[in-house]
PDB file of N, CA and C in Angstrom:
ATOM      1  N   LEU A   1      13.165  18.812  44.084  1.00  0.00           N
ATOM      2  CA  LEU A   1      14.336  19.195  44.847  1.00  0.00           C
ATOM      3  C   LEU A   1      15.507  19.489  43.918  1.00  0.00           C
ATOM      4  N   TYR A   2      16.401  20.334  44.396  1.00  0.00           N
ATOM      5  CA  TYR A   2      17.586  20.717  43.633  1.00  0.00           C
ATOM      6  C   TYR A   2      18.829  20.334  44.437  1.00  0.00           C
ATOM      7  N   TYR A   3      19.861  19.926  43.727  1.00  0.00           N
ATOM      8  CA  TYR A   3      21.098  19.494  44.349  1.00  0.00           C
ATOM      9  C   TYR A   3      22.242  20.354  43.829  1.00  0.00           C
ATOM     10  N   ARG A   4      23.033  20.902  44.749  1.00  0.00           N
ATOM     11  CA  ARG A   4      24.191  21.696  44.351  1.00  0.00           C
ATOM     12  C   ARG A   4      25.205  21.684  45.482  1.00  0.00           C
ATOM     13  N   GLY A   5      26.438  21.428  45.148  1.00  0.00           N
ATOM     14  CA  GLY A   5      27.508  21.457  46.132  1.00  0.00           C
ATOM     15  C   GLY A   5      27.313  20.502  47.294  1.00  0.00           C
ATOM     16  N   GLY A   6      26.695  19.351  47.020  1.00  0.00           N
ATOM     17  CA  GLY A   6      26.489  18.363  48.070  1.00  0.00           C
ATOM     18  C   GLY A   6      25.303  18.646  48.982  1.00  0.00           C
ATOM     19  N   ARG A   7      24.482  19.651  48.630  1.00  0.00           N
ATOM     20  CA  ARG A   7      23.326  19.990  49.468  1.00  0.00           C
ATOM     21  C   ARG A   7      22.053  19.970  48.643  1.00  0.00           C
ATOM     22  N   LEU A   8      20.942  19.640  49.299  1.00  0.00           N
ATOM     23  CA  LEU A   8      19.623  19.659  48.667  1.00  0.00           C
ATOM     24  C   LEU A   8      18.921  20.973  48.988  1.00  0.00           C
ATOM     25  N   TYR A   9      18.182  21.504  48.006  1.00  0.00           N
ATOM     26  CA  TYR A   9      17.447  22.752  48.173  1.00  0.00           C
ATOM     27  C   TYR A   9      16.042  22.599  47.618  1.00  0.00           C
ATOM     28  N   CYS A  10      15.066  23.240  48.253  1.00  0.00           N
ATOM     29  CA  CYS A  10      13.733  23.315  47.667  1.00  0.00           C
ATOM     30  C   CYS A  10      13.811  24.325  46.515  1.00  0.00           C
ATOM     31  N   GLN A  11      12.784  24.344  45.674  1.00  0.00           N
ATOM     32  CA  GLN A  11      12.791  25.217  44.505  1.00  0.00           C
ATOM     33  C   GLN A  11      12.916  26.697  44.915  1.00  0.00           C
ATOM     34  N   GLU A  12      12.194  27.109  45.924  1.00  0.00           N
ATOM     35  CA  GLU A  12      12.221  28.512  46.366  1.00  0.00           C
ATOM     36  C   GLU A  12      13.622  28.933  46.818  1.00  0.00           C
ATOM     37  N   ASP A  13      14.263  28.125  47.646  1.00  0.00           N
ATOM     38  CA  ASP A  13      15.602  28.466  48.133  1.00  0.00           C
ATOM     39  C   ASP A  13      16.637  28.406  47.020  1.00  0.00           C
ATOM     40  N   TYR A  14      16.527  27.427  46.137  1.00  0.00           N
ATOM     41  CA  TYR A  14      17.482  27.333  45.035  1.00  0.00           C
ATOM     42  C   TYR A  14      17.400  28.574  44.155  1.00  0.00           C
ATOM     43  N   LYS A  15      16.198  28.985  43.833  1.00  0.00           N
ATOM     44  CA  LYS A  15      16.010  30.175  42.995  1.00  0.00           C
ATOM     45  C   LYS A  15      16.549  31.413  43.706  1.00  0.00           C
ATOM     46  N   ARG A  16      16.253  31.549  44.987  1.00  0.00           N
ATOM     47  CA  ARG A  16      16.694  32.717  45.754  1.00  0.00           C
ATOM     48  C   ARG A  16      18.212  32.774  45.866  1.00  0.00           C
ATOM     49  N   LEU A  17      18.830  31.630  46.104  1.00  0.00           N
ATOM     50  CA  LEU A  17      20.271  31.600  46.345  1.00  0.00           C
ATOM     51  C   LEU A  17      21.122  31.602  45.072  1.00  0.00           C
ATOM     52  N   PHE A  18      20.637  30.946  44.026  1.00  0.00           N
ATOM     53  CA  PHE A  18      21.504  30.751  42.872  1.00  0.00           C
ATOM     54  C   PHE A  18      21.022  31.412  41.583  1.00  0.00           C
ATOM     55  N   VAL A  19      19.734  31.536  41.382  1.00  0.00           N
ATOM     56  CA  VAL A  19      19.235  32.158  40.157  1.00  0.00           C
ATOM     57  C   VAL A  19      19.100  33.659  40.356  1.00  0.00           C
ATOM     58  N   ASP A  20      18.345  34.066  41.377  1.00  0.00           N
ATOM     59  CA  ASP A  20      18.158  35.488  41.644  1.00  0.00           C
ATOM     60  C   ASP A  20      19.457  36.165  42.033  1.00  0.00           C
ATOM     61  N   ALA A  21      20.391  35.399  42.578  1.00  0.00           N
ATOM     62  CA  ALA A  21      21.661  35.965  43.030  1.00  0.00           C
ATOM     63  C   ALA A  21      22.474  36.516  41.871  1.00  0.00           C
ATOM     64  N   CYS A  22      22.135  36.160  40.643  1.00  0.00           N
ATOM     65  CA  CYS A  22      22.877  36.631  39.471  1.00  0.00           C
ATOM     66  C   CYS A  22      22.080  37.650  38.665  1.00  0.00           C
ATOM     67  N   THR A  23      21.055  38.233  39.271  1.00  0.00           N
ATOM     68  CA  THR A  23      20.184  39.177  38.579  1.00  0.00           C
ATOM     69  C   THR A  23      20.051  40.451  39.391  1.00  0.00           C
ATOM     70  N   CYS A  24      20.124  41.594  38.719  1.00  0.00           N
ATOM     71  CA  CYS A  24      19.906  42.878  39.381  1.00  0.00           C
ATOM     72  C   CYS A  24      18.430  42.988  39.748  1.00  0.00           C
ATOM     73  N   VAL A  25      18.155  43.279  41.006  1.00  0.00           N
ATOM     74  CA  VAL A  25      16.769  43.412  41.466  1.00  0.00           C
ATOM     75  C   VAL A  25      16.116  44.646  40.852  1.00  0.00           C
ATOM     76  N   GLY A  26      16.900  45.675  40.608  1.00  0.00           N
ATOM     77  CA  GLY A  26      16.346  46.917  40.072  1.00  0.00           C
ATOM     78  C   GLY A  26      15.878  46.830  38.631  1.00  0.00           C
ATOM     79  N   CYS A  27      16.670  46.196  37.748  1.00  0.00           N
ATOM     80  CA  CYS A  27      16.333  46.176  36.319  1.00  0.00           C
ATOM     81  C   CYS A  27      16.086  44.774  35.775  1.00  0.00           C
ATOM     82  N   SER A  28      16.343  43.752  36.558  1.00  0.00           N
ATOM     83  CA  SER A  28      16.161  42.340  36.189  1.00  0.00           C
ATOM     84  C   SER A  28      17.150  41.849  35.136  1.00  0.00           C
ATOM     85  N   ASP A  29      18.175  42.657  34.805  1.00  0.00           N
ATOM     86  CA  ASP A  29      19.205  42.199  33.883  1.00  0.00           C
ATOM     87  C   ASP A  29      20.199  41.311  34.623  1.00  0.00           C
ATOM     88  N   SER A  30      20.879  40.478  33.867  1.00  0.00           N
ATOM     89  CA  SER A  30      21.912  39.624  34.451  1.00  0.00           C
ATOM     90  C   SER A  30      23.074  40.469  34.965  1.00  0.00           C
ATOM     91  N   LEU A  31      23.686  39.991  36.024  1.00  0.00           N
ATOM     92  CA  LEU A  31      24.889  40.618  36.554  1.00  0.00           C
ATOM     93  C   LEU A  31      26.083  39.818  36.069  1.00  0.00           C
ATOM     94  N   LEU A  32      26.981  40.498  35.411  1.00  0.00           N
ATOM     95  CA  LEU A  32      28.171  39.851  34.875  1.00  0.00           C
ATOM     96  C   LEU A  32      29.316  39.978  35.861  1.00  0.00           C
ATOM     97  N   PRO A  33      30.287  39.078  35.817  1.00  0.00           N
ATOM     98  CA  PRO A  33      31.429  39.173  36.735  1.00  0.00           C
ATOM     99  C   PRO A  33      32.166  40.507  36.640  1.00  0.00           C
ATOM    100  N   SER A  34      32.113  41.153  35.489  1.00  0.00           N
ATOM    101  CA  SER A  34      32.801  42.436  35.315  1.00  0.00           C
ATOM    102  C   SER A  34      31.978  43.631  35.793  1.00  0.00           C
ATOM    103  N   ASP A  35      30.696  43.430  36.146  1.00  0.00           N
ATOM    104  CA  ASP A  35      29.830  44.527  36.587  1.00  0.00           C
ATOM    105  C   ASP A  35      30.176  44.990  37.998  1.00  0.00           C
ATOM    106  N   SER A  36      30.046  46.299  38.220  1.00  0.00           N
ATOM    107  CA  SER A  36      30.064  46.818  39.587  1.00  0.00           C
ATOM    108  C   SER A  36      28.713  46.475  40.190  1.00  0.00           C
ATOM    109  N   VAL A  37      28.718  46.074  41.462  1.00  0.00           N
ATOM    110  CA  VAL A  37      27.479  45.599  42.086  1.00  0.00           C
ATOM    111  C   VAL A  37      27.379  46.140  43.501  1.00  0.00           C
ATOM    112  N   PHE A  38      26.174  46.556  43.883  1.00  0.00           N
ATOM    113  CA  PHE A  38      25.876  46.874  45.272  1.00  0.00           C
ATOM    114  C   PHE A  38      25.106  45.698  45.848  1.00  0.00           C
ATOM    115  N   THR A  39      25.523  45.228  47.014  1.00  0.00           N
ATOM    116  CA  THR A  39      24.788  44.191  47.729  1.00  0.00           C
ATOM    117  C   THR A  39      24.175  44.842  48.952  1.00  0.00           C
ATOM    118  N   LEU A  40      22.872  44.849  49.018  1.00  0.00           N
ATOM    119  CA  LEU A  40      22.163  45.446  50.146  1.00  0.00           C
ATOM    120  C   LEU A  40      21.479  44.335  50.910  1.00  0.00           C
ATOM    121  N   SER A  41      21.510  44.426  52.234  1.00  0.00           N
ATOM    122  CA  SER A  41      20.906  43.373  53.050  1.00  0.00           C
ATOM    123  C   SER A  41      20.332  43.956  54.322  1.00  0.00           C
ATOM    124  N   THR A  42      19.559  43.119  54.999  1.00  0.00           N
ATOM    125  CA  THR A  42      19.042  43.504  56.301  1.00  0.00           C
ATOM    126  C   THR A  42      20.167  43.388  57.314  1.00  0.00           C
ATOM    127  N   PRO A  43      20.180  44.248  58.327  1.00  0.00           N
ATOM    128  CA  PRO A  43      21.241  44.163  59.333  1.00  0.00           C
ATOM    129  C   PRO A  43      21.229  42.817  60.053  1.00  0.00           C
ATOM    130  N   GLY A  44      22.397  42.209  60.149  1.00  0.00           N
ATOM    131  CA  GLY A  44      22.565  41.004  60.946  1.00  0.00           C
ATOM    132  C   GLY A  44      21.925  39.758  60.392  1.00  0.00           C
ATOM    133  N   GLY A  45      21.489  39.778  59.153  1.00  0.00           N
ATOM    134  CA  GLY A  45      20.832  38.587  58.645  1.00  0.00           C
ATOM    135  C   GLY A  45      21.075  38.391  57.175  1.00  0.00           C
ATOM    136  N   HIS A  46      20.802  37.183  56.722  1.00  0.00           N
ATOM    137  CA  HIS A  46      20.985  36.856  55.318  1.00  0.00           C
ATOM    138  C   HIS A  46      19.648  36.523  54.679  1.00  0.00           C
ATOM    139  N   ASP A  47      18.542  36.735  55.411  1.00  0.00           N
ATOM    140  CA  ASP A  47      17.236  36.364  54.891  1.00  0.00           C
ATOM    141  C   ASP A  47      16.767  37.283  53.776  1.00  0.00           C
ATOM    142  N   ASP A  48      17.143  38.553  53.843  1.00  0.00           N
ATOM    143  CA  ASP A  48      16.676  39.511  52.863  1.00  0.00           C
ATOM    144  C   ASP A  48      17.884  40.264  52.335  1.00  0.00           C
ATOM    145  N   TYR A  49      18.252  39.997  51.111  1.00  0.00           N
ATOM    146  CA  TYR A  49      19.369  40.697  50.491  1.00  0.00           C
ATOM    147  C   TYR A  49      19.060  40.832  49.005  1.00  0.00           C
ATOM    148  N   ALA A  50      19.753  41.753  48.370  1.00  0.00           N
ATOM    149  CA  ALA A  50      19.528  41.963  46.952  1.00  0.00           C
ATOM    150  C   ALA A  50      20.777  42.551  46.318  1.00  0.00           C
ATOM    151  N   LEU A  51      20.973  42.238  45.038  1.00  0.00           N
ATOM    152  CA  LEU A  51      22.090  42.765  44.271  1.00  0.00           C
ATOM    153  C   LEU A  51      21.565  43.785  43.269  1.00  0.00           C
ATOM    154  N   PHE A  52      22.297  44.881  43.110  1.00  0.00           N
ATOM    155  CA  PHE A  52      21.898  45.961  42.215  1.00  0.00           C
ATOM    156  C   PHE A  52      23.086  46.454  41.406  1.00  0.00           C
ATOM    157  N   HIS A  53      22.840  46.867  40.153  1.00  0.00           N
ATOM    158  CA  HIS A  53      23.795  47.711  39.455  1.00  0.00           C
ATOM    159  C   HIS A  53      23.776  49.059  40.185  1.00  0.00           C
ATOM    160  N   PRO A  54      24.873  49.796  40.238  1.00  0.00           N
ATOM    161  CA  PRO A  54      24.871  51.089  40.931  1.00  0.00           C
ATOM    162  C   PRO A  54      23.763  52.040  40.449  1.00  0.00           C
ATOM    163  N   ALA A  55      23.486  52.072  39.155  1.00  0.00           N
ATOM    164  CA  ALA A  55      22.452  52.962  38.630  1.00  0.00           C
ATOM    165  C   ALA A  55      21.038  52.519  39.009  1.00  0.00           C
ATOM    166  N   CYS A  56      20.888  51.295  39.491  1.00  0.00           N
ATOM    167  CA  CYS A  56      19.570  50.743  39.817  1.00  0.00           C
ATOM    168  C   CYS A  56      19.229  50.842  41.304  1.00  0.00           C
ATOM    169  N   VAL A  57      20.094  51.467  42.088  1.00  0.00           N
ATOM    170  CA  VAL A  57      19.848  51.595  43.532  1.00  0.00           C
ATOM    171  C   VAL A  57      18.887  52.767  43.727  1.00  0.00           C
ATOM    172  N   LYS A  58      17.577  52.458  43.575  1.00  0.00           N
ATOM    173  CA  LYS A  58      16.528  53.479  43.622  1.00  0.00           C
ATOM    174  C   LYS A  58      15.375  52.997  44.481  1.00  0.00           C
ATOM    175  N   CYS A  59      14.679  53.964  45.059  1.00  0.00           N
ATOM    176  CA  CYS A  59      13.480  53.652  45.839  1.00  0.00           C
ATOM    177  C   CYS A  59      12.435  53.017  44.920  1.00  0.00           C
ATOM    178  N   SER A  60      11.822  51.938  45.366  1.00  0.00           N
ATOM    179  CA  SER A  60      10.796  51.246  44.589  1.00  0.00           C
ATOM    180  C   SER A  60       9.540  52.078  44.409  1.00  0.00           C
ATOM    181  N   THR A  61       9.355  53.084  45.263  1.00  0.00           N
ATOM    182  CA  THR A  61       8.145  53.892  45.201  1.00  0.00           C
ATOM    183  C   THR A  61       8.337  55.176  44.399  1.00  0.00           C
ATOM    184  N   CYS A  62       9.392  55.947  44.708  1.00  0.00           N
ATOM    185  CA  CYS A  62       9.562  57.269  44.086  1.00  0.00           C
ATOM    186  C   CYS A  62      10.710  57.345  43.083  1.00  0.00           C
ATOM    187  N   ASN A  63      11.470  56.272  42.942  1.00  0.00           N
ATOM    188  CA  ASN A  63      12.621  56.206  42.031  1.00  0.00           C
ATOM    189  C   ASN A  63      13.765  57.141  42.394  1.00  0.00           C
ATOM    190  N   LYS A  64      13.791  57.640  43.622  1.00  0.00           N
ATOM    191  CA  LYS A  64      14.919  58.462  44.070  1.00  0.00           C
ATOM    192  C   LYS A  64      16.168  57.586  44.084  1.00  0.00           C
ATOM    193  N   HIS A  65      17.249  58.079  43.444  1.00  0.00           N
ATOM    194  CA  HIS A  65      18.505  57.339  43.448  1.00  0.00           C
ATOM    195  C   HIS A  65      19.119  57.434  44.839  1.00  0.00           C
ATOM    196  N   LEU A  66      19.470  56.303  45.418  1.00  0.00           N
ATOM    197  CA  LEU A  66      20.049  56.260  46.749  1.00  0.00           C
ATOM    198  C   LEU A  66      21.556  56.111  46.633  1.00  0.00           C
ATOM    199  N   GLU A  67      22.272  56.872  47.442  1.00  0.00           N
ATOM    200  CA  GLU A  67      23.728  56.860  47.403  1.00  0.00           C
ATOM    201  C   GLU A  67      24.264  56.449  48.757  1.00  0.00           C
ATOM    202  N   ARG A  68      25.562  56.172  48.795  1.00  0.00           N
ATOM    203  CA  ARG A  68      26.208  55.819  50.060  1.00  0.00           C
ATOM    204  C   ARG A  68      25.887  56.872  51.103  1.00  0.00           C
ATOM    205  N   GLY A  69      25.510  56.415  52.295  1.00  0.00           N
ATOM    206  CA  GLY A  69      25.184  57.317  53.385  1.00  0.00           C
ATOM    207  C   GLY A  69      23.699  57.611  53.502  1.00  0.00           C
ATOM    208  N   ASP A  70      22.929  57.394  52.432  1.00  0.00           N
ATOM    209  CA  ASP A  70      21.481  57.591  52.514  1.00  0.00           C
ATOM    210  C   ASP A  70      20.872  56.477  53.358  1.00  0.00           C
ATOM    211  N   GLU A  71      19.829  56.822  54.068  1.00  0.00           N
ATOM    212  CA  GLU A  71      19.098  55.788  54.807  1.00  0.00           C
ATOM    213  C   GLU A  71      18.167  55.087  53.831  1.00  0.00           C
ATOM    214  N   TYR A  72      18.094  53.787  53.947  1.00  0.00           N
ATOM    215  CA  TYR A  72      17.262  52.983  53.069  1.00  0.00           C
ATOM    216  C   TYR A  72      16.685  51.822  53.857  1.00  0.00           C
ATOM    217  N   ALA A  73      15.762  51.124  53.234  1.00  0.00           N
ATOM    218  CA  ALA A  73      15.236  49.893  53.807  1.00  0.00           C
ATOM    219  C   ALA A  73      15.061  48.891  52.679  1.00  0.00           C
ATOM    220  N   LEU A  74      15.395  47.658  52.965  1.00  0.00           N
ATOM    221  CA  LEU A  74      15.169  46.557  52.043  1.00  0.00           C
ATOM    222  C   LEU A  74      14.124  45.668  52.691  1.00  0.00           C
ATOM    223  N   HIS A  75      12.994  45.544  52.023  1.00  0.00           N
ATOM    224  CA  HIS A  75      11.891  44.755  52.576  1.00  0.00           C
ATOM    225  C   HIS A  75      11.346  43.870  51.461  1.00  0.00           C
ATOM    226  N   ARG A  76      11.457  42.562  51.649  1.00  0.00           N
ATOM    227  CA  ARG A  76      10.998  41.588  50.647  1.00  0.00           C
ATOM    228  C   ARG A  76      11.589  41.885  49.276  1.00  0.00           C
ATOM    229  N   ARG A  77      12.914  42.143  49.269  1.00  0.00           N
ATOM    230  CA  ARG A  77      13.691  42.387  48.052  1.00  0.00           C
ATOM    231  C   ARG A  77      13.244  43.621  47.281  1.00  0.00           C
ATOM    232  N   ARG A  78      12.581  44.540  47.979  1.00  0.00           N
ATOM    233  CA  ARG A  78      12.252  45.837  47.392  1.00  0.00           C
ATOM    234  C   ARG A  78      12.980  46.897  48.194  1.00  0.00           C
ATOM    235  N   LEU A  79      13.508  47.886  47.498  1.00  0.00           N
ATOM    236  CA  LEU A  79      14.310  48.931  48.120  1.00  0.00           C
ATOM    237  C   LEU A  79      13.473  50.192  48.283  1.00  0.00           C
ATOM    238  N   TYR A  80      13.580  50.818  49.456  1.00  0.00           N
ATOM    239  CA  TYR A  80      12.809  52.025  49.759  1.00  0.00           C
ATOM    240  C   TYR A  80      13.709  53.091  50.363  1.00  0.00           C
ATOM    241  N   CYS A  81      13.430  54.366  50.008  1.00  0.00           N
ATOM    242  CA  CYS A  81      14.052  55.471  50.732  1.00  0.00           C
ATOM    243  C   CYS A  81      13.403  55.499  52.121  1.00  0.00           C
ATOM    244  N   ARG A  82      13.985  56.263  53.031  1.00  0.00           N
ATOM    245  CA  ARG A  82      13.487  56.284  54.407  1.00  0.00           C
ATOM    246  C   ARG A  82      12.005  56.670  54.462  1.00  0.00           C
ATOM    247  N   GLU A  83      11.645  57.712  53.750  1.00  0.00           N
ATOM    248  CA  GLU A  83      10.263  58.200  53.782  1.00  0.00           C
ATOM    249  C   GLU A  83       9.266  57.130  53.350  1.00  0.00           C
ATOM    250  N   HIS A  84       9.543  56.467  52.243  1.00  0.00           N
ATOM    251  CA  HIS A  84       8.588  55.490  51.738  1.00  0.00           C
ATOM    252  C   HIS A  84       8.608  54.187  52.511  1.00  0.00           C
ATOM    253  N   PHE A  85       9.732  53.814  53.100  1.00  0.00           N
ATOM    254  CA  PHE A  85       9.712  52.623  53.939  1.00  0.00           C
ATOM    255  C   PHE A  85       8.824  52.844  55.149  1.00  0.00           C
ATOM    256  N   GLN A  86       8.864  54.052  55.724  1.00  0.00           N
ATOM    257  CA  GLN A  86       8.016  54.329  56.874  1.00  0.00           C
ATOM    258  C   GLN A  86       6.545  54.165  56.512  1.00  0.00           C
ATOM    259  N   GLU A  87       6.156  54.575  55.305  1.00  0.00           N
ATOM    260  CA  GLU A  87       4.773  54.381  54.854  1.00  0.00           C
ATOM    261  C   GLU A  87       4.447  52.897  54.708  1.00  0.00           C
ATOM    262  N   VAL A  88       5.332  52.144  54.056  1.00  0.00           N
ATOM    263  CA  VAL A  88       5.116  50.707  53.851  1.00  0.00           C
ATOM    264  C   VAL A  88       5.123  49.985  55.182  1.00  0.00           C
ATOM    265  N   TYR A  89       6.065  50.337  56.051  1.00  0.00           N
ATOM    266  CA  TYR A  89       6.209  49.697  57.353  1.00  0.00           C
ATOM    267  C   TYR A  89       4.942  49.860  58.180  1.00  0.00           C
ATOM    268  N   ARG A  90       4.370  51.056  58.181  1.00  0.00           N
ATOM    269  CA  ARG A  90       3.104  51.265  58.903  1.00  0.00           C
ATOM    270  C   ARG A  90       2.002  50.406  58.300  1.00  0.00           C
ATOM    271  N   GLY A  91       2.038  50.229  56.974  1.00  0.00           N
ATOM    272  CA  GLY A  91       1.016  49.441  56.296  1.00  0.00           C
ATOM    273  C   GLY A  91       1.066  47.963  56.613  1.00  0.00           C
ATOM    274  N   VAL A  92       2.246  47.438  56.980  1.00  0.00           N
ATOM    275  CA  VAL A  92       2.361  46.010  57.300  1.00  0.00           C
ATOM    276  C   VAL A  92       2.302  45.768  58.787  1.00  0.00           C
ATOM    277  N   GLY A  93       2.065  46.807  59.577  1.00  0.00           N
ATOM    278  CA  GLY A  93       1.864  46.615  61.006  1.00  0.00           C
ATOM    279  C   GLY A  93       3.131  46.610  61.836  1.00  0.00           C
ATOM    280  N   GLY A  94       4.239  47.053  61.271  1.00  0.00           N
ATOM    281  CA  GLY A  94       5.464  47.148  62.062  1.00  0.00           C
ATOM    282  C   GLY A  94       6.106  45.787  62.266  1.00  0.00           C
ATOM    283  N   GLY A  95       7.194  45.812  63.009  1.00  0.00           N
ATOM    284  CA  GLY A  95       7.858  44.571  63.395  1.00  0.00           C
ATOM    285  C   GLY A  95       8.993  44.167  62.486  1.00  0.00           C
ATOM    286  N   GLY A  96      10.195  44.648  62.778  1.00  0.00           N
ATOM    287  CA  GLY A  96      11.381  44.132  62.117  1.00  0.00           C
ATOM    288  C   GLY A  96      11.731  44.768  60.786  1.00  0.00           C
ATOM    289  N   GLY A  97      11.861  46.059  60.752  1.00  0.00           N
ATOM    290  CA  GLY A  97      12.286  46.746  59.538  1.00  0.00           C
ATOM    291  C   GLY A  97      13.739  46.452  59.235  1.00  0.00           C
ATOM    292  N   ALA A  98      14.176  46.910  58.064  1.00  0.00           N
ATOM    293  CA  ALA A  98      15.549  46.651  57.625  1.00  0.00           C
ATOM    294  C   ALA A  98      16.214  47.960  57.234  1.00  0.00           C
ATOM    295  N   ASN A  99      16.562  48.756  58.193  1.00  0.00           N
ATOM    296  CA  ASN A  99      17.182  50.040  57.877  1.00  0.00           C
ATOM    297  C   ASN A  99      18.688  49.890  57.776  1.00  0.00           C
ATOM    298  N   GLY A 100      19.272  50.587  56.854  1.00  0.00           N
ATOM    299  CA  GLY A 100      20.709  50.527  56.665  1.00  0.00           C
ATOM    300  C   GLY A 100      21.259  51.882  56.337  1.00  0.00           C
ATOM    301  N   ARG A 101      22.554  51.951  56.219  1.00  0.00           N
ATOM    302  CA  ARG A 101      23.243  53.176  55.804  1.00  0.00           C
ATOM    303  C   ARG A 101      24.336  52.794  54.867  1.00  0.00           C
TER     304      ARG A 101
END
């Protein structure tokens, strides 16, 4: 168990909340306080979110750079353009995608 701020956390939650929270999902480099950062998340929830350097906001499948206004999906901390999320989504049987703008 891990203890922080008066609360106990299991190893998985501690890593997700405090270790991974300081790492760019796209390149795995550390995020510094001076870095510009994009935070992408599922609508209405905090279960699936990820931090990216602006240059790392790319589809996990085709590497297309995604910009503000593009449709995207974040699924299990992987980022997809609309086209490739639809392929992945069909592969997992549907149910609760994470589309954003």
